[in-house]
Amino acid sequence: MHTLKLSTVPIMKRGRPIPSPPSTPPTPQIIPKIRTTHFSENPKTLLKPTSTPPEPETGRWVSLSIAQSELSLPLTFPTGQTFRWKQTGPLQYTGAVGPHLVSLKHLPNGDVSYCLHRTTSGAEALLALRDFLNVGICLSDIWEVFSASDLRFAELANHLGGARVLRQDPLECLIQFLCSSNNNIQRITKMVNFVSSLGTYLGTVEGFEFHEFPSLERLSTVSEQELREAGFGYRAKYITGTVKALQSKQGGGAEWLFSLRKLELEEVIDTLSTLPGVGPKVAACIALFSLDQHHAIPVDTHVWQLLFQVVLTFGNLFMLWLSKIATRYLLPELAGARLTPKLCSRVAEAFVNRYGKYAGWAQTLLFIAELPSQRATLPSHFSNAKVNKSAAKRKIVEANTVSEDVTDDY
């Protein structure tokens, strides 16, 4: 077993998601059809799979041939997508991908390398790792399209390149976000660690124990009372209830979750929301981070304020119109009032109309830019940008006339 002797850094928390975006205004409950003409029908892959992938050795660092611009570990792992990966060294993170215990780190030139601490098959581990890292999607291609239509995104992308959306196991992602509901990072991590400990032990790296995520069958043996005693609170009944609901699915709960990758976003959100404890907000995160729903938008009050700032600073007339529609229902949001599902849907729709079928990836970068750990690294004009409420209201009034002209066109 390969053990590293380096320090750890706490994980940052991600804001809670919101309902999936509706179709064209004013209907608020239907997911819009995403136009994909700006994106290649055959996107480039970062690592081309081969019929006979090499058999990596355990305990040896091997290059993944992925540049930092395509995968930045600090901008991907400690940002709330997953709570099972730990920082085990400078620019180094360790976690389990199925039955494989893996560490990733940046080489001096920025490229990403990996080390297998434990695996049943090196070739299978590499395939699983590539799938988990979502390498079928070329980040630079997406960023180029986003930057061409959004000046603020173009500026941020120069400083925050490599912020990638992971493709997690759906069951693992689902249980983690059930733990994250109305919670803080310390408690989320503690809960996820407890659930993880129910799986097969894989090894210890830098003092952290790692386990394969437990199967649905193993999770079913844990009672609500045991979870409550472990500090899960009311979430205990949601986890046991969801596990029971998944076990009743024809063909098996894990397979049922994987099958959601074939559905449209609206149906995915509605289907996940039938599980105990899963509302539209949690469902949006699960959809984005594990079910290939790249335009799912996790949105909370923080992201709503971010959207408003983007609209006022860099938005065009159509985006001003969208902002006017979103804010006329709940203008007090600018003063911190609670978001309604309708307003959340409108905000999500605005992101989709701006960024298209990979809107969730764009929102992820914009969210990361607002994390305290990242804002400190950005040029001062990003952190000093403030939305003036009076100016905001004037922009909304100006947009009223515009909206009357463009409504028929959209």
Protein backbone atom coordinates (compact mmCIF):
# COMPACT_ATOMS: atom_id res chain seq x y z
CA MET A 1 0.00 0.00 0.00
CA HIS A 2 1.31 3.45 -0.93
CA THR A 3 1.00 6.02 1.86
CA LEU A 4 1.69 9.71 1.40
CA LYS A 5 2.76 12.12 4.15
CA LEU A 6 1.07 15.40 3.36
CA SER A 7 -1.47 17.74 4.95
CA THR A 8 -5.16 18.15 4.28
CA VAL A 9 -7.38 21.09 3.40
CA PRO A 10 -11.11 21.31 4.28
CA ILE A 11 -13.70 20.89 1.55
CA MET A 12 -15.70 23.89 0.39
CA LYS A 13 -19.49 23.74 0.30
CA ARG A 14 -21.60 24.11 -2.77
CA GLY A 15 -24.90 25.95 -2.82
CA ARG A 16 -28.13 23.98 -3.02
CA PRO A 17 -29.70 23.27 -6.45
CA ILE A 18 -33.11 24.36 -7.72
CA PRO A 19 -35.80 23.01 -10.06
CA SER A 20 -34.93 22.29 -13.65
CA PRO A 21 -35.50 25.12 -16.12
CA PRO A 22 -38.85 25.55 -17.89
CA SER A 23 -39.46 25.98 -21.61
CA THR A 24 -39.80 29.37 -23.25
CA PRO A 25 -41.53 32.03 -21.13
CA PRO A 26 -44.01 32.32 -19.59
CA THR A 27 -44.63 28.57 -19.00
CA PRO A 28 -42.66 27.76 -15.81
CA GLN A 29 -42.83 23.96 -15.56
CA ILE A 30 -41.36 22.59 -18.79
CA ILE A 31 -37.70 22.07 -19.54
CA PRO A 32 -36.67 24.04 -22.63
CA LYS A 33 -35.37 22.32 -25.71
CA ILE A 34 -31.69 23.08 -25.85
CA ARG A 35 -30.23 24.35 -29.08
CA THR A 36 -26.93 22.63 -29.79
CA THR A 37 -25.88 24.19 -33.08
CA HIS A 38 -22.87 25.91 -31.50
CA PHE A 39 -21.44 22.64 -30.24
CA SER A 40 -19.86 19.87 -32.24
CA GLU A 41 -22.05 16.82 -32.78
CA ASN A 42 -18.94 14.73 -32.09
CA PRO A 43 -17.13 16.47 -29.22
CA LYS A 44 -13.46 15.73 -28.79
CA THR A 45 -12.43 13.33 -26.05
CA LEU A 46 -9.41 13.95 -23.88
CA LEU A 47 -8.40 10.32 -23.56
CA LYS A 48 -9.34 8.02 -26.40
CA PRO A 49 -10.27 4.58 -25.07
CA THR A 50 -8.46 1.64 -26.58
CA SER A 51 -9.56 -1.96 -26.94
CA THR A 52 -6.66 -3.11 -24.75
CA PRO A 53 -5.76 -0.32 -22.29
CA PRO A 54 -2.42 -0.61 -20.53
CA GLU A 55 -2.20 -2.35 -17.18
CA PRO A 56 -0.97 0.31 -14.71
CA GLU A 57 1.04 -0.77 -11.70
CA THR A 58 -0.18 -0.05 -8.18
CA GLY A 59 1.91 2.44 -6.22
CA ARG A 60 3.34 4.07 -9.35
CA TRP A 61 2.47 7.51 -10.67
CA VAL A 62 1.37 7.54 -14.32
CA SER A 63 0.43 10.51 -16.49
CA LEU A 64 -3.22 10.77 -17.55
CA SER A 65 -2.21 13.02 -20.45
CA ILE A 66 -4.73 15.64 -19.30
CA ALA A 67 -3.62 19.27 -19.11
CA GLN A 68 -4.51 21.47 -16.16
CA SER A 69 -6.70 23.56 -18.47
CA GLU A 70 -8.90 20.47 -18.90
CA LEU A 71 -8.80 19.30 -15.28
CA SER A 72 -7.85 21.44 -12.31
CA LEU A 73 -8.02 19.25 -9.21
CA PRO A 74 -8.45 22.16 -6.72
CA LEU A 75 -11.26 23.59 -8.86
CA THR A 76 -13.03 20.25 -9.20
CA PHE A 77 -12.87 18.23 -5.98
CA PRO A 78 -13.20 20.64 -3.03
CA THR A 79 -16.17 22.50 -4.56
CA GLY A 80 -19.15 20.47 -3.33
CA GLN A 81 -19.64 17.97 -6.15
CA THR A 82 -18.46 15.08 -3.99
CA PHE A 83 -17.62 14.71 -0.32
CA ARG A 84 -15.71 11.42 -0.59
CA TRP A 85 -12.42 12.71 -2.00
CA LYS A 86 -9.79 14.00 0.41
CA GLN A 87 -6.85 16.29 -0.14
CA THR A 88 -3.78 14.19 0.63
CA GLY A 89 -1.06 16.59 -0.46
CA PRO A 90 -0.40 19.84 -2.30
CA LEU A 91 -2.44 19.65 -5.51
CA GLN A 92 -3.23 16.02 -4.70
CA TYR A 93 -6.58 14.32 -4.00
CA THR A 94 -7.47 10.74 -3.15
CA GLY A 95 -10.73 8.84 -3.44
CA ALA A 96 -12.48 5.64 -4.42
CA VAL A 97 -13.83 5.01 -7.90
CA GLY A 98 -15.84 1.84 -7.48
CA PRO A 99 -13.46 -0.78 -6.01
CA HIS A 100 -10.38 1.23 -7.03
CA LEU A 101 -8.46 3.49 -4.62
CA VAL A 102 -6.87 6.29 -6.62
CA SER A 103 -4.80 9.42 -6.03
CA LEU A 104 -4.60 12.27 -8.53
CA LYS A 105 -2.04 15.08 -8.54
CA HIS A 106 -0.68 17.79 -10.79
CA LEU A 107 2.78 17.35 -12.23
CA PRO A 108 5.19 20.32 -12.31
CA ASN A 109 3.97 21.18 -15.83
CA GLY A 110 0.34 21.16 -14.64
CA ASP A 111 -0.66 17.87 -16.27
CA VAL A 112 -2.59 15.36 -14.17
CA SER A 113 -1.13 12.02 -13.09
CA TYR A 114 -2.68 9.17 -11.12
CA CYS A 115 -1.58 6.45 -8.74
CA LEU A 116 -3.49 3.24 -7.98
CA HIS A 117 -3.22 2.25 -4.33
CA ARG A 118 -5.57 -0.70 -4.63
CA THR A 119 -7.43 -2.19 -7.58
CA THR A 120 -8.81 -5.45 -8.89
CA SER A 121 -7.62 -4.56 -12.39
CA GLY A 122 -5.41 -1.69 -13.49
CA ALA A 123 -7.05 -1.55 -16.91
CA GLU A 124 -10.54 -1.47 -15.43
CA ALA A 125 -9.45 1.17 -12.95
CA LEU A 126 -8.21 3.44 -15.72
CA LEU A 127 -11.46 3.07 -17.68
CA ALA A 128 -13.52 3.76 -14.55
CA LEU A 129 -11.38 6.79 -13.70
CA ARG A 130 -11.74 8.28 -17.16
CA ASP A 131 -15.49 7.81 -16.99
CA PHE A 132 -15.64 9.40 -13.52
CA LEU A 133 -13.63 12.40 -14.74
CA ASN A 134 -16.03 12.88 -17.67
CA VAL A 135 -13.18 12.97 -20.16
CA GLY A 136 -15.59 12.44 -23.05
CA ILE A 137 -16.23 16.18 -22.88
CA CYS A 138 -13.56 18.63 -24.00
CA LEU A 139 -13.62 21.57 -21.62
CA SER A 140 -11.73 23.96 -23.92
CA ASP A 141 -14.34 23.56 -26.66
CA ILE A 142 -17.17 24.42 -24.26
CA TRP A 143 -15.28 27.32 -22.70
CA GLU A 144 -14.61 28.78 -26.15
CA VAL A 145 -18.32 28.88 -26.97
CA PHE A 146 -19.25 30.32 -23.58
CA SER A 147 -16.53 32.97 -23.73
CA ALA A 148 -17.66 34.14 -27.15
CA SER A 149 -21.12 34.99 -25.80
CA ASP A 150 -20.28 36.14 -22.27
CA LEU A 151 -17.52 38.62 -21.46
CA ARG A 152 -17.57 37.89 -17.75
CA PHE A 153 -17.22 34.17 -18.35
CA ALA A 154 -14.34 34.81 -20.74
CA GLU A 155 -12.48 36.75 -18.05
CA LEU A 156 -13.14 34.15 -15.36
CA ALA A 157 -12.14 31.28 -17.62
CA ASN A 158 -8.68 32.81 -17.94
CA HIS A 159 -8.24 32.47 -14.17
CA LEU A 160 -10.30 29.36 -13.38
CA GLY A 161 -9.59 26.98 -16.24
CA GLY A 162 -10.04 23.28 -15.60
CA ALA A 163 -13.18 23.41 -13.42
CA ARG A 164 -14.72 20.12 -14.54
CA VAL A 165 -18.08 18.50 -13.76
CA LEU A 166 -17.66 14.91 -12.57
CA ARG A 167 -19.69 11.90 -13.71
CA GLN A 168 -20.33 10.12 -10.44
CA ASP A 169 -22.05 6.86 -9.66
CA PRO A 170 -25.75 7.84 -9.31
CA LEU A 171 -26.37 5.97 -6.05
CA GLU A 172 -23.26 7.44 -4.47
CA CYS A 173 -24.22 10.93 -5.62
CA LEU A 174 -27.82 10.54 -4.44
CA ILE A 175 -26.92 9.49 -0.90
CA GLN A 176 -24.33 12.25 -0.57
CA PHE A 177 -26.80 14.96 -1.50
CA LEU A 178 -29.41 13.54 0.84
CA CYS A 179 -26.79 14.12 3.55
CA SER A 180 -26.10 17.66 2.32
CA SER A 181 -29.67 18.96 2.65
CA ASN A 182 -29.76 21.99 4.99
CA ASN A 183 -26.39 21.04 6.39
CA ASN A 184 -22.85 22.35 6.91
CA ILE A 185 -19.62 20.97 5.53
CA GLN A 186 -18.38 19.44 8.77
CA ARG A 187 -21.59 17.48 9.34
CA ILE A 188 -21.97 16.50 5.68
CA THR A 189 -18.44 15.10 5.67
CA LYS A 190 -19.06 13.23 8.91
CA MET A 191 -22.27 11.68 7.55
CA VAL A 192 -20.73 10.72 4.22
CA ASN A 193 -17.75 9.19 6.01
CA PHE A 194 -20.14 7.10 8.12
CA VAL A 195 -22.03 5.84 5.08
CA SER A 196 -18.78 5.15 3.24
CA SER A 197 -17.45 3.12 6.17
CA LEU A 198 -20.22 0.59 5.52
CA GLY A 199 -18.48 -0.40 2.29
CA THR A 200 -15.42 -2.54 1.69
CA TYR A 201 -12.23 -1.09 3.17
CA LEU A 202 -9.75 -0.16 0.44
CA GLY A 203 -6.83 1.34 2.30
CA THR A 204 -5.46 4.35 4.17
CA VAL A 205 -3.69 7.31 2.58
CA GLU A 206 -2.25 10.09 4.76
CA GLY A 207 -4.39 9.06 7.70
CA PHE A 208 -7.65 8.95 5.76
CA GLU A 209 -9.46 5.63 5.50
CA PHE A 210 -11.11 4.92 2.16
CA HIS A 211 -13.93 2.51 1.37
CA GLU A 212 -15.79 1.39 -1.70
CA PHE A 213 -19.23 2.96 -1.59
CA PRO A 214 -21.67 0.46 0.00
CA SER A 215 -24.13 -1.40 -2.19
CA LEU A 216 -27.86 -0.86 -1.95
CA GLU A 217 -28.13 -4.22 -0.20
CA ARG A 218 -25.61 -3.17 2.45
CA LEU A 219 -27.35 0.17 2.97
CA SER A 220 -30.65 -1.63 3.51
CA THR A 221 -29.23 -3.30 6.63
CA VAL A 222 -28.79 0.03 8.40
CA SER A 223 -31.77 1.19 10.44
CA GLU A 224 -33.11 4.71 10.81
CA GLN A 225 -32.23 4.56 14.50
CA GLU A 226 -28.59 3.72 13.73
CA LEU A 227 -28.37 6.70 11.40
CA ARG A 228 -29.95 8.99 13.98
CA GLU A 229 -27.46 7.84 16.59
CA ALA A 230 -24.70 8.65 14.08
CA GLY A 231 -25.95 12.25 13.85
CA PHE A 232 -28.08 12.19 10.69
CA GLY A 233 -31.14 13.70 12.37
CA TYR A 234 -34.26 13.87 10.22
CA ARG A 235 -32.22 12.87 7.16
CA ALA A 236 -32.07 9.33 8.56
CA LYS A 237 -35.65 8.61 7.53
CA TYR A 238 -35.00 10.02 4.06
CA ILE A 239 -32.00 7.76 3.50
CA THR A 240 -33.70 4.59 4.74
CA GLY A 241 -36.86 5.52 2.87
CA THR A 242 -34.97 6.16 -0.36
CA VAL A 243 -33.04 2.89 -0.02
CA LYS A 244 -36.31 1.01 0.47
CA ALA A 245 -37.88 2.76 -2.52
CA LEU A 246 -34.89 1.90 -4.71
CA GLN A 247 -35.03 -1.75 -3.67
CA SER A 248 -38.60 -1.95 -4.93
CA LYS A 249 -37.63 -0.85 -8.45
CA GLN A 250 -37.91 -3.50 -11.12
CA GLY A 251 -34.47 -4.67 -12.23
CA GLY A 252 -32.80 -3.20 -9.15
CA GLY A 253 -32.42 0.30 -7.75
CA ALA A 254 -28.87 0.89 -8.97
CA GLU A 255 -29.81 -0.09 -12.53
CA TRP A 256 -32.93 2.08 -12.30
CA LEU A 257 -30.82 5.11 -11.38
CA PHE A 258 -28.45 4.50 -14.30
CA SER A 259 -31.45 4.29 -16.64
CA LEU A 260 -32.30 7.92 -15.84
CA ARG A 261 -29.34 8.98 -17.95
CA LYS A 262 -31.45 8.19 -21.02
CA LEU A 263 -34.32 10.52 -20.06
CA GLU A 264 -34.98 14.22 -20.62
CA LEU A 265 -34.12 16.58 -17.76
CA GLU A 266 -37.72 17.36 -16.82
CA GLU A 267 -38.53 13.69 -16.43
CA VAL A 268 -35.32 13.06 -14.48
CA ILE A 269 -36.15 15.84 -11.98
CA ASP A 270 -39.74 14.63 -11.57
CA THR A 271 -38.67 11.00 -11.18
CA LEU A 272 -35.96 11.68 -8.62
CA SER A 273 -38.36 13.89 -6.68
CA THR A 274 -40.55 10.85 -5.97
CA LEU A 275 -37.82 9.53 -3.66
CA PRO A 276 -38.07 10.44 0.05
CA GLY A 277 -36.14 13.59 0.86
CA VAL A 278 -35.39 14.47 -2.76
CA GLY A 279 -36.88 17.75 -3.89
CA PRO A 280 -36.26 19.58 -7.16
CA LYS A 281 -33.18 21.31 -5.73
CA VAL A 282 -31.38 18.12 -4.67
CA ALA A 283 -32.56 16.41 -7.86
CA ALA A 284 -30.87 19.07 -9.98
CA CYS A 285 -27.49 18.38 -8.36
CA ILE A 286 -27.86 14.63 -8.81
CA ALA A 287 -28.88 15.15 -12.43
CA LEU A 288 -25.88 17.36 -13.20
CA PHE A 289 -23.20 15.45 -11.29
CA SER A 290 -24.19 11.87 -12.15
CA LEU A 291 -26.91 11.58 -14.80
CA ASP A 292 -25.47 13.40 -17.84
CA GLN A 293 -27.97 16.27 -17.56
CA HIS A 294 -25.45 18.91 -18.48
CA HIS A 295 -27.97 21.77 -18.48
CA ALA A 296 -29.32 21.07 -15.00
CA ILE A 297 -28.81 24.22 -12.91
CA PRO A 298 -28.18 24.01 -9.15
CA VAL A 299 -29.34 27.45 -8.00
CA ASP A 300 -29.84 29.13 -4.63
CA THR A 301 -30.07 32.75 -3.47
CA HIS A 302 -26.31 33.12 -3.95
CA VAL A 303 -26.50 32.03 -7.59
CA TRP A 304 -29.56 34.23 -8.19
CA GLN A 305 -27.58 37.28 -7.08
CA LEU A 306 -24.72 36.16 -9.32
CA LEU A 307 -27.06 35.94 -12.32
CA PHE A 308 -28.41 39.41 -11.62
CA GLN A 309 -24.87 40.81 -11.49
CA VAL A 310 -24.00 39.11 -14.79
CA VAL A 311 -27.14 40.50 -16.44
CA LEU A 312 -26.57 44.07 -15.27
CA THR A 313 -22.90 44.11 -16.17
CA PHE A 314 -22.63 42.12 -19.36
CA GLY A 315 -26.17 41.12 -20.38
CA ASN A 316 -27.84 41.95 -23.67
CA LEU A 317 -31.43 43.13 -24.10
CA PHE A 318 -32.83 39.62 -24.10
CA MET A 319 -31.05 38.80 -20.84
CA LEU A 320 -32.38 42.03 -19.33
CA TRP A 321 -35.83 40.91 -20.32
CA LEU A 322 -35.30 37.54 -18.65
CA SER A 323 -34.08 39.31 -15.54
CA LYS A 324 -37.19 41.48 -15.52
CA ILE A 325 -39.42 38.40 -15.70
CA ALA A 326 -37.51 36.65 -12.91
CA THR A 327 -37.48 39.65 -10.58
CA ARG A 328 -40.98 41.03 -11.00
CA TYR A 329 -42.26 38.14 -8.87
CA LEU A 330 -39.74 38.55 -6.05
CA LEU A 331 -37.71 41.77 -6.20
CA PRO A 332 -37.12 41.56 -2.43
CA GLU A 333 -34.69 38.73 -3.27
CA LEU A 334 -32.09 41.43 -3.69
CA ALA A 335 -32.50 42.08 0.02
CA GLY A 336 -32.11 38.39 0.86
CA ALA A 337 -35.70 37.15 0.78
CA ARG A 338 -36.30 33.45 0.17
CA LEU A 339 -36.47 32.20 -3.41
CA THR A 340 -39.71 30.68 -4.64
CA PRO A 341 -39.77 27.62 -6.95
CA LYS A 342 -41.16 29.82 -9.74
CA LEU A 343 -38.33 32.33 -9.46
CA CYS A 344 -35.80 29.52 -9.24
CA SER A 345 -37.16 28.05 -12.46
CA ARG A 346 -36.87 31.40 -14.21
CA VAL A 347 -33.29 31.86 -13.06
CA ALA A 348 -32.40 28.38 -14.27
CA GLU A 349 -34.06 29.12 -17.58
CA ALA A 350 -31.98 32.26 -18.00
CA PHE A 351 -28.80 30.21 -17.58
CA VAL A 352 -29.97 27.68 -20.16
CA ASN A 353 -30.90 30.36 -22.67
CA ARG A 354 -27.50 31.97 -22.24
CA TYR A 355 -25.25 28.90 -22.19
CA GLY A 356 -27.23 26.17 -23.92
CA LYS A 357 -26.86 22.43 -23.41
CA TYR A 358 -23.83 22.73 -21.11
CA ALA A 359 -25.34 25.47 -18.94
CA GLY A 360 -24.69 23.44 -15.80
CA TRP A 361 -20.97 23.46 -16.54
CA ALA A 362 -21.01 27.25 -16.97
CA GLN A 363 -22.91 27.72 -13.72
CA THR A 364 -20.39 25.50 -11.96
CA LEU A 365 -17.51 27.79 -12.92
CA LEU A 366 -19.47 30.92 -12.00
CA PHE A 367 -20.28 29.38 -8.63
CA ILE A 368 -16.66 28.42 -7.98
CA ALA A 369 -15.62 32.00 -8.75
CA GLU A 370 -17.76 33.14 -5.82
CA LEU A 371 -16.18 30.79 -3.27
CA PRO A 372 -14.05 32.75 -0.76
CA SER A 373 -11.05 30.54 -1.50
CA GLN A 374 -11.19 31.47 -5.17
CA ARG A 375 -12.29 35.09 -4.96
CA ALA A 376 -9.07 35.82 -3.10
CA THR A 377 -7.09 34.68 -6.15
CA LEU A 378 -9.03 36.73 -8.71
CA PRO A 379 -8.25 40.28 -9.85
CA SER A 380 -9.79 42.94 -7.61
CA HIS A 381 -12.43 44.04 -10.13
CA PHE A 382 -14.18 40.67 -9.69
CA SER A 383 -14.39 40.79 -5.90
CA ASN A 384 -15.19 44.49 -5.79
CA ALA A 385 -18.09 44.25 -8.22
CA LYS A 386 -21.31 45.25 -6.46
CA VAL A 387 -24.88 45.39 -7.73
CA ASN A 388 -26.45 48.78 -7.09
CA LYS A 389 -30.12 48.28 -6.21
CA SER A 390 -31.26 51.58 -7.71
CA ALA A 391 -29.38 50.86 -10.90
CA ALA A 392 -30.87 47.39 -10.93
CA LYS A 393 -34.39 48.75 -10.72
CA ARG A 394 -33.67 51.21 -13.53
CA LYS A 395 -32.40 48.36 -15.70
CA ILE A 396 -35.58 46.41 -15.03
CA VAL A 397 -37.73 49.42 -15.98
CA GLU A 398 -35.70 49.87 -19.15
CA ALA A 399 -36.23 46.22 -19.96
CA ASN A 400 -40.02 46.55 -19.72
CA THR A 401 -40.28 48.18 -23.11
CA VAL A 402 -37.79 45.76 -24.62
CA SER A 403 -39.78 42.76 -23.40
CA GLU A 404 -42.87 43.90 -25.27
CA ASP A 405 -40.87 43.85 -28.51
CA VAL A 406 -39.09 40.52 -28.12
CA THR A 407 -41.81 38.37 -26.55
CA ASP A 408 -43.13 37.16 -29.89
CA ASP A 409 -39.64 36.23 -31.06
CA TYR A 410 -39.02 33.75 -28.25
